[in-house]
Full PDB file with SEQRES, HELIX, SHEET, SSBOND, CRYST1, ORIGX, SCALE, CONECT and MASTER records, all heavy atoms in Angstrom:
SEQRES   1 A   30  ASP PHE ARG HIS PRO CYS THR GLY ILE SER GLY SER THR          
SEQRES   2 A   30  THR ALA ILE GLY GLY SER VAL PHE THR ARG LEU THR THR          
SEQRES   3 A   30  VAL GLU GLU GLN                                              
HELIX    1 AA1 PRO A    5  ILE A   16  1                                  12    
HELIX    2 AA2 SER A   19  PHE A   21  5                                   3    
HELIX    3 AA3 THR A   22  GLU A   29  1                                   8    
CRYST1    1.000    1.000    1.000  90.00  90.00  90.00 P 1           1          
ORIGX1      1.000000  0.000000  0.000000        0.00000                         
ORIGX2      0.000000  1.000000  0.000000        0.00000                         
ORIGX3      0.000000  0.000000  1.000000        0.00000                         
SCALE1      1.000000  0.000000  0.000000        0.00000                         
SCALE2      0.000000  1.000000  0.000000        0.00000                         
SCALE3      0.000000  0.000000  1.000000        0.00000                         
ATOM      1  N   ASP A   1       0.733  -1.246   0.042  1.00  0.00           N  
ATOM      2  CA  ASP A   1       0.027   0.044   0.074  1.00  0.00           C  
ATOM      3  C   ASP A   1       0.803   1.189   0.108  1.00  0.00           C  
ATOM      4  O   ASP A   1       0.356   2.262   0.342  1.00  0.00           O  
ATOM      5  CB  ASP A   1      -0.927  -0.065   1.192  1.00  0.00           C  
ATOM      6  CG  ASP A   1      -0.095  -0.028   2.487  1.00  0.00           C  
ATOM      7  OD1 ASP A   1       1.089  -0.360   2.444  1.00  0.00           O  
ATOM      8  OD2 ASP A   1      -0.725   0.082   3.561  1.00  0.00           O  
ATOM      9  N   PHE A   2       2.121   1.220  -0.352  1.00  0.00           N  
ATOM     10  CA  PHE A   2       2.969   2.540  -0.352  1.00  0.00           C  
ATOM     11  C   PHE A   2       3.131   2.871  -1.717  1.00  0.00           C  
ATOM     12  O   PHE A   2       3.083   2.088  -2.770  1.00  0.00           O  
ATOM     13  CB  PHE A   2       4.348   2.122   0.268  1.00  0.00           C  
ATOM     14  CG  PHE A   2       5.102   1.023  -0.368  1.00  0.00           C  
ATOM     15  CD1 PHE A   2       6.013   1.339  -1.531  1.00  0.00           C  
ATOM     16  CD2 PHE A   2       4.969  -0.260   0.073  1.00  0.00           C  
ATOM     17  CE1 PHE A   2       6.658   0.344  -2.075  1.00  0.00           C  
ATOM     18  CE2 PHE A   2       5.628  -1.229  -0.584  1.00  0.00           C  
ATOM     19  CZ  PHE A   2       6.589  -1.057  -1.629  1.00  0.00           C  
ATOM     20  N   ARG A   3       3.353   4.072  -1.885  1.00  0.00           N  
ATOM     21  CA  ARG A   3       3.562   4.786  -3.257  1.00  0.00           C  
ATOM     22  C   ARG A   3       4.942   5.223  -3.533  1.00  0.00           C  
ATOM     23  O   ARG A   3       5.612   4.982  -4.505  1.00  0.00           O  
ATOM     24  CB  ARG A   3       2.574   5.845  -3.494  1.00  0.00           C  
ATOM     25  CG  ARG A   3       1.040   5.397  -3.417  1.00  0.00           C  
ATOM     26  CD  ARG A   3       0.928   4.597  -4.711  1.00  0.00           C  
ATOM     27  NE  ARG A   3      -0.464   4.018  -4.705  1.00  0.00           N  
ATOM     28  CZ  ARG A   3      -0.920   2.886  -4.189  1.00  0.00           C  
ATOM     29  NH1 ARG A   3      -0.078   2.071  -3.606  1.00  0.00           N  
ATOM     30  NH2 ARG A   3      -2.127   2.422  -4.198  1.00  0.00           N  
ATOM     31  N   HIS A   4       5.460   6.052  -2.540  1.00  0.00           N  
ATOM     32  CA  HIS A   4       6.793   6.674  -2.745  1.00  0.00           C  
ATOM     33  C   HIS A   4       7.847   5.833  -2.046  1.00  0.00           C  
ATOM     34  O   HIS A   4       7.578   5.410  -0.881  1.00  0.00           O  
ATOM     35  CB  HIS A   4       6.779   8.117  -2.206  1.00  0.00           C  
ATOM     36  CG  HIS A   4       8.060   8.896  -2.498  1.00  0.00           C  
ATOM     37  ND1 HIS A   4       9.205   8.773  -1.848  1.00  0.00           N  
ATOM     38  CD2 HIS A   4       8.189   9.716  -3.500  1.00  0.00           C  
ATOM     39  CE1 HIS A   4      10.146   9.531  -2.404  1.00  0.00           C  
ATOM     40  NE2 HIS A   4       9.540  10.094  -3.491  1.00  0.00           N  
ATOM     41  N   PRO A   5       8.911   5.549  -2.725  1.00  0.00           N  
ATOM     42  CA  PRO A   5       9.931   4.647  -2.059  1.00  0.00           C  
ATOM     43  C   PRO A   5      10.360   5.102  -0.712  1.00  0.00           C  
ATOM     44  O   PRO A   5      10.543   4.311   0.240  1.00  0.00           O  
ATOM     45  CB  PRO A   5      10.952   4.546  -3.089  1.00  0.00           C  
ATOM     46  CG  PRO A   5      10.750   5.665  -4.063  1.00  0.00           C  
ATOM     47  CD  PRO A   5       9.309   5.981  -3.994  1.00  0.00           C  
ATOM     48  N   CYS A   6      10.781   6.328  -0.594  1.00  0.00           N  
ATOM     49  CA  CYS A   6      11.235   6.927   0.735  1.00  0.00           C  
ATOM     50  C   CYS A   6      10.327   6.790   1.796  1.00  0.00           C  
ATOM     51  O   CYS A   6      10.518   6.252   2.844  1.00  0.00           O  
ATOM     52  CB  CYS A   6      11.714   8.257   0.494  1.00  0.00           C  
ATOM     53  SG  CYS A   6      13.170   8.516  -0.563  1.00  0.00           S  
ATOM     54  N   THR A   7       8.998   7.317   1.467  1.00  0.00           N  
ATOM     55  CA  THR A   7       8.001   7.314   2.639  1.00  0.00           C  
ATOM     56  C   THR A   7       7.490   5.828   2.856  1.00  0.00           C  
ATOM     57  O   THR A   7       7.256   5.451   4.079  1.00  0.00           O  
ATOM     58  CB  THR A   7       6.746   8.022   2.094  1.00  0.00           C  
ATOM     59  OG1 THR A   7       6.373   7.467   0.966  1.00  0.00           O  
ATOM     60  CG2 THR A   7       7.101   9.536   1.916  1.00  0.00           C  
ATOM     61  N   GLY A   8       7.574   4.940   1.836  1.00  0.00           N  
ATOM     62  CA  GLY A   8       7.174   3.650   2.088  1.00  0.00           C  
ATOM     63  C   GLY A   8       8.158   2.864   2.946  1.00  0.00           C  
ATOM     64  O   GLY A   8       7.807   2.126   3.901  1.00  0.00           O  
ATOM     65  N   ILE A   9       9.452   3.125   2.777  1.00  0.00           N  
ATOM     66  CA  ILE A   9      10.444   2.404   3.489  1.00  0.00           C  
ATOM     67  C   ILE A   9      10.390   2.956   4.881  1.00  0.00           C  
ATOM     68  O   ILE A   9      10.522   2.134   5.821  1.00  0.00           O  
ATOM     69  CB  ILE A   9      11.809   2.648   2.889  1.00  0.00           C  
ATOM     70  CG1 ILE A   9      11.858   1.967   1.527  1.00  0.00           C  
ATOM     71  CG2 ILE A   9      12.919   2.119   3.743  1.00  0.00           C  
ATOM     72  CD1 ILE A   9      13.163   2.206   0.756  1.00  0.00           C  
ATOM     73  N   SER A  10      10.264   4.306   5.055  1.00  0.00           N  
ATOM     74  CA  SER A  10      10.217   4.821   6.430  1.00  0.00           C  
ATOM     75  C   SER A  10       9.071   4.335   7.142  1.00  0.00           C  
ATOM     76  O   SER A  10       9.181   3.907   8.331  1.00  0.00           O  
ATOM     77  CB  SER A  10      10.286   6.397   6.352  1.00  0.00           C  
ATOM     78  OG  SER A  10      10.185   6.877   7.783  1.00  0.00           O  
ATOM     79  N   GLY A  11       8.049   4.267   6.478  1.00  0.00           N  
ATOM     80  CA  GLY A  11       6.761   3.736   7.178  1.00  0.00           C  
ATOM     81  C   GLY A  11       6.832   2.351   7.639  1.00  0.00           C  
ATOM     82  O   GLY A  11       6.470   1.862   8.686  1.00  0.00           O  
ATOM     83  N   SER A  12       7.503   1.502   6.789  1.00  0.00           N  
ATOM     84  CA  SER A  12       7.657   0.083   7.036  1.00  0.00           C  
ATOM     85  C   SER A  12       8.533  -0.095   8.228  1.00  0.00           C  
ATOM     86  O   SER A  12       8.350  -0.932   9.070  1.00  0.00           O  
ATOM     87  CB  SER A  12       8.099  -0.695   5.886  1.00  0.00           C  
ATOM     88  OG  SER A  12       9.365  -0.240   5.553  1.00  0.00           O  
ATOM     89  N   THR A  13       9.501   0.703   8.242  1.00  0.00           N  
ATOM     90  CA  THR A  13      10.490   0.597   9.421  1.00  0.00           C  
ATOM     91  C   THR A  13       9.960   0.897  10.695  1.00  0.00           C  
ATOM     92  O   THR A  13      10.001   0.280  11.707  1.00  0.00           O  
ATOM     93  CB  THR A  13      11.685   1.440   9.181  1.00  0.00           C  
ATOM     94  OG1 THR A  13      12.343   1.117   7.932  1.00  0.00           O  
ATOM     95  CG2 THR A  13      12.799   1.285  10.210  1.00  0.00           C  
ATOM     96  N   THR A  14       9.059   2.025  10.589  1.00  0.00           N  
ATOM     97  CA  THR A  14       8.307   2.374  11.964  1.00  0.00           C  
ATOM     98  C   THR A  14       7.350   1.375  12.324  1.00  0.00           C  
ATOM     99  O   THR A  14       7.137   1.027  13.490  1.00  0.00           O  
ATOM    100  CB  THR A  14       7.736   3.799  11.675  1.00  0.00           C  
ATOM    101  OG1 THR A  14       8.661   4.624  11.183  1.00  0.00           O  
ATOM    102  CG2 THR A  14       7.032   4.218  12.953  1.00  0.00           C  
ATOM    103  N   ALA A  15       6.724   0.708  11.344  1.00  0.00           N  
ATOM    104  CA  ALA A  15       5.534  -0.165  11.659  1.00  0.00           C  
ATOM    105  C   ALA A  15       6.187  -1.525  12.190  1.00  0.00           C  
ATOM    106  O   ALA A  15       5.711  -2.041  13.151  1.00  0.00           O  
ATOM    107  CB  ALA A  15       4.846  -0.565  10.364  1.00  0.00           C  
ATOM    108  N   ILE A  16       7.228  -1.947  11.630  1.00  0.00           N  
ATOM    109  CA  ILE A  16       7.826  -3.229  12.089  1.00  0.00           C  
ATOM    110  C   ILE A  16       8.666  -3.001  13.466  1.00  0.00           C  
ATOM    111  O   ILE A  16       8.508  -3.736  14.396  1.00  0.00           O  
ATOM    112  CB  ILE A  16       8.815  -3.726  11.097  1.00  0.00           C  
ATOM    113  CG1 ILE A  16       8.052  -4.108   9.755  1.00  0.00           C  
ATOM    114  CG2 ILE A  16       9.552  -5.036  11.562  1.00  0.00           C  
ATOM    115  CD1 ILE A  16       8.798  -4.580   8.606  1.00  0.00           C  
ATOM    116  N   GLY A  17       9.419  -1.980  13.509  1.00  0.00           N  
ATOM    117  CA  GLY A  17      10.083  -1.631  14.770  1.00  0.00           C  
ATOM    118  C   GLY A  17      11.044  -2.592  15.143  1.00  0.00           C  
ATOM    119  O   GLY A  17      11.466  -2.615  16.277  1.00  0.00           O  
ATOM    120  N   GLY A  18      11.658  -3.567  14.348  1.00  0.00           N  
ATOM    121  CA  GLY A  18      12.590  -4.554  14.787  1.00  0.00           C  
ATOM    122  C   GLY A  18      13.940  -3.895  14.574  1.00  0.00           C  
ATOM    123  O   GLY A  18      14.262  -3.011  13.938  1.00  0.00           O  
ATOM    124  N   SER A  19      14.797  -4.645  15.336  1.00  0.00           N  
ATOM    125  CA  SER A  19      16.216  -4.279  15.213  1.00  0.00           C  
ATOM    126  C   SER A  19      16.860  -4.627  13.930  1.00  0.00           C  
ATOM    127  O   SER A  19      17.886  -4.031  13.577  1.00  0.00           O  
ATOM    128  CB  SER A  19      17.078  -5.009  16.342  1.00  0.00           C  
ATOM    129  OG  SER A  19      16.964  -6.362  16.196  1.00  0.00           O  
ATOM    130  N   VAL A  20      16.224  -5.512  13.181  1.00  0.00           N  
ATOM    131  CA  VAL A  20      16.826  -5.854  11.821  1.00  0.00           C  
ATOM    132  C   VAL A  20      16.769  -4.573  10.912  1.00  0.00           C  
ATOM    133  O   VAL A  20      17.654  -4.429  10.032  1.00  0.00           O  
ATOM    134  CB  VAL A  20      15.972  -6.942  11.150  1.00  0.00           C  
ATOM    135  CG1 VAL A  20      16.535  -7.317   9.927  1.00  0.00           C  
ATOM    136  CG2 VAL A  20      16.000  -8.182  12.126  1.00  0.00           C  
ATOM    137  N   PHE A  21      15.894  -3.643  11.015  1.00  0.00           N  
ATOM    138  CA  PHE A  21      15.702  -2.579  10.055  1.00  0.00           C  
ATOM    139  C   PHE A  21      16.254  -1.286  10.678  1.00  0.00           C  
ATOM    140  O   PHE A  21      15.846  -0.142  10.217  1.00  0.00           O  
ATOM    141  CB  PHE A  21      14.234  -2.359   9.823  1.00  0.00           C  
ATOM    142  CG  PHE A  21      13.569  -3.535   9.270  1.00  0.00           C  
ATOM    143  CD1 PHE A  21      12.811  -4.399   9.946  1.00  0.00           C  
ATOM    144  CD2 PHE A  21      13.791  -3.928   7.848  1.00  0.00           C  
ATOM    145  CE1 PHE A  21      12.308  -5.556   9.399  1.00  0.00           C  
ATOM    146  CE2 PHE A  21      13.248  -4.993   7.378  1.00  0.00           C  
ATOM    147  CZ  PHE A  21      12.500  -5.856   8.015  1.00  0.00           C  
ATOM    148  N   THR A  22      17.091  -1.394  11.676  1.00  0.00           N  
ATOM    149  CA  THR A  22      17.738  -0.153  12.298  1.00  0.00           C  
ATOM    150  C   THR A  22      18.645   0.518  11.299  1.00  0.00           C  
ATOM    151  O   THR A  22      18.698   1.674  11.197  1.00  0.00           O  
ATOM    152  CB  THR A  22      18.411  -0.562  13.574  1.00  0.00           C  
ATOM    153  OG1 THR A  22      17.533  -1.195  14.477  1.00  0.00           O  
ATOM    154  CG2 THR A  22      19.059   0.699  14.177  1.00  0.00           C  
ATOM    155  N   ARG A  23      19.354  -0.393  10.505  1.00  0.00           N  
ATOM    156  CA  ARG A  23      20.202   0.155   9.597  1.00  0.00           C  
ATOM    157  C   ARG A  23      19.537   0.889   8.418  1.00  0.00           C  
ATOM    158  O   ARG A  23      20.101   1.861   7.784  1.00  0.00           O  
ATOM    159  CB  ARG A  23      21.108  -1.044   8.953  1.00  0.00           C  
ATOM    160  CG  ARG A  23      22.184  -0.760   7.986  1.00  0.00           C  
ATOM    161  CD  ARG A  23      22.950  -1.856   7.519  1.00  0.00           C  
ATOM    162  NE  ARG A  23      23.975  -1.335   6.549  1.00  0.00           N  
ATOM    163  CZ  ARG A  23      24.790  -2.221   6.044  1.00  0.00           C  
ATOM    164  NH1 ARG A  23      24.779  -3.419   6.238  1.00  0.00           N  
ATOM    165  NH2 ARG A  23      25.794  -1.694   5.237  1.00  0.00           N  
ATOM    166  N   LEU A  24      18.329   0.463   8.033  1.00  0.00           N  
ATOM    167  CA  LEU A  24      17.520   1.112   7.076  1.00  0.00           C  
ATOM    168  C   LEU A  24      17.242   2.549   7.491  1.00  0.00           C  
ATOM    169  O   LEU A  24      17.302   3.418   6.636  1.00  0.00           O  
ATOM    170  CB  LEU A  24      16.234   0.301   6.817  1.00  0.00           C  
ATOM    171  CG  LEU A  24      15.165   0.903   5.838  1.00  0.00           C  
ATOM    172  CD1 LEU A  24      15.912   1.171   4.503  1.00  0.00           C  
ATOM    173  CD2 LEU A  24      13.933   0.158   5.821  1.00  0.00           C  
ATOM    174  N   THR A  25      16.907   2.692   8.694  1.00  0.00           N  
ATOM    175  CA  THR A  25      16.530   4.195   9.177  1.00  0.00           C  
ATOM    176  C   THR A  25      17.778   4.963   9.136  1.00  0.00           C  
ATOM    177  O   THR A  25      17.773   6.173   8.842  1.00  0.00           O  
ATOM    178  CB  THR A  25      16.053   4.032  10.674  1.00  0.00           C  
ATOM    179  OG1 THR A  25      14.968   3.063  10.642  1.00  0.00           O  
ATOM    180  CG2 THR A  25      15.626   5.390  11.175  1.00  0.00           C  
ATOM    181  N   THR A  26      18.985   4.451   9.517  1.00  0.00           N  
ATOM    182  CA  THR A  26      20.196   5.208   9.484  1.00  0.00           C  
ATOM    183  C   THR A  26      20.540   5.699   7.982  1.00  0.00           C  
ATOM    184  O   THR A  26      20.808   6.805   7.837  1.00  0.00           O  
ATOM    185  CB  THR A  26      21.361   4.340  10.041  1.00  0.00           C  
ATOM    186  OG1 THR A  26      20.966   3.878  11.284  1.00  0.00           O  
ATOM    187  CG2 THR A  26      22.613   5.116  10.084  1.00  0.00           C  
ATOM    188  N   VAL A  27      20.286   4.660   7.181  1.00  0.00           N  
ATOM    189  CA  VAL A  27      20.607   5.019   5.641  1.00  0.00           C  
ATOM    190  C   VAL A  27      19.706   6.292   5.234  1.00  0.00           C  
ATOM    191  O   VAL A  27      20.088   7.091   4.507  1.00  0.00           O  
ATOM    192  CB  VAL A  27      20.518   3.905   4.871  1.00  0.00           C  
ATOM    193  CG1 VAL A  27      20.660   4.402   3.412  1.00  0.00           C  
ATOM    194  CG2 VAL A  27      21.622   2.849   5.159  1.00  0.00           C  
ATOM    195  N   GLU A  28      18.339   6.154   5.747  1.00  0.00           N  
ATOM    196  CA  GLU A  28      17.447   7.178   5.334  1.00  0.00           C  
ATOM    197  C   GLU A  28      17.786   8.567   5.881  1.00  0.00           C  
ATOM    198  O   GLU A  28      17.647   9.605   5.217  1.00  0.00           O  
ATOM    199  CB  GLU A  28      16.065   6.697   5.791  1.00  0.00           C  
ATOM    200  CG  GLU A  28      14.920   7.737   5.350  1.00  0.00           C  
ATOM    201  CD  GLU A  28      13.619   7.230   5.944  1.00  0.00           C  
ATOM    202  OE1 GLU A  28      13.551   6.126   6.631  1.00  0.00           O  
ATOM    203  OE2 GLU A  28      12.516   7.831   5.738  1.00  0.00           O  
ATOM    204  N   GLU A  29      18.235   8.659   7.164  1.00  0.00           N  
ATOM    205  CA  GLU A  29      18.635   9.835   7.680  1.00  0.00           C  
ATOM    206  C   GLU A  29      19.860  10.496   6.961  1.00  0.00           C  
ATOM    207  O   GLU A  29      19.976  11.751   6.765  1.00  0.00           O  
ATOM    208  CB  GLU A  29      19.018   9.621   9.112  1.00  0.00           C  
ATOM    209  CG  GLU A  29      17.732   9.300   9.952  1.00  0.00           C  
ATOM    210  CD  GLU A  29      18.145   9.084  11.463  1.00  0.00           C  
ATOM    211  OE1 GLU A  29      19.345   9.069  11.735  1.00  0.00           O  
ATOM    212  OE2 GLU A  29      17.199   8.750  12.246  1.00  0.00           O  
ATOM    213  N   GLN A  30      20.826   9.495   6.614  1.00  0.00           N  
ATOM    214  CA  GLN A  30      21.876  10.120   5.950  1.00  0.00           C  
ATOM    215  C   GLN A  30      21.610  10.751   4.423  1.00  0.00           C  
ATOM    216  O   GLN A  30      22.213  11.680   4.052  1.00  0.00           O  
ATOM    217  CB  GLN A  30      23.108   9.040   5.690  1.00  0.00           C  
ATOM    218  CG  GLN A  30      23.611   8.541   7.112  1.00  0.00           C  
ATOM    219  CD  GLN A  30      24.591   7.511   6.835  1.00  0.00           C  
ATOM    220  OE1 GLN A  30      24.807   6.917   5.797  1.00  0.00           O  
ATOM    221  NE2 GLN A  30      25.191   7.118   8.015  1.00  0.00           N  
TER     222      GLN A  30                                                      
MASTER        0    0    0    3    0    0    0    6  221    1    0    3          
END                                                                             
């Protein structure tokens, strides 16, 4: 149900909240 890649990834990371996707959030902030 996502459209934009950046918002979709950020939303999925927030929704899952697992430690596996911590690196994904770091890459998004950089």
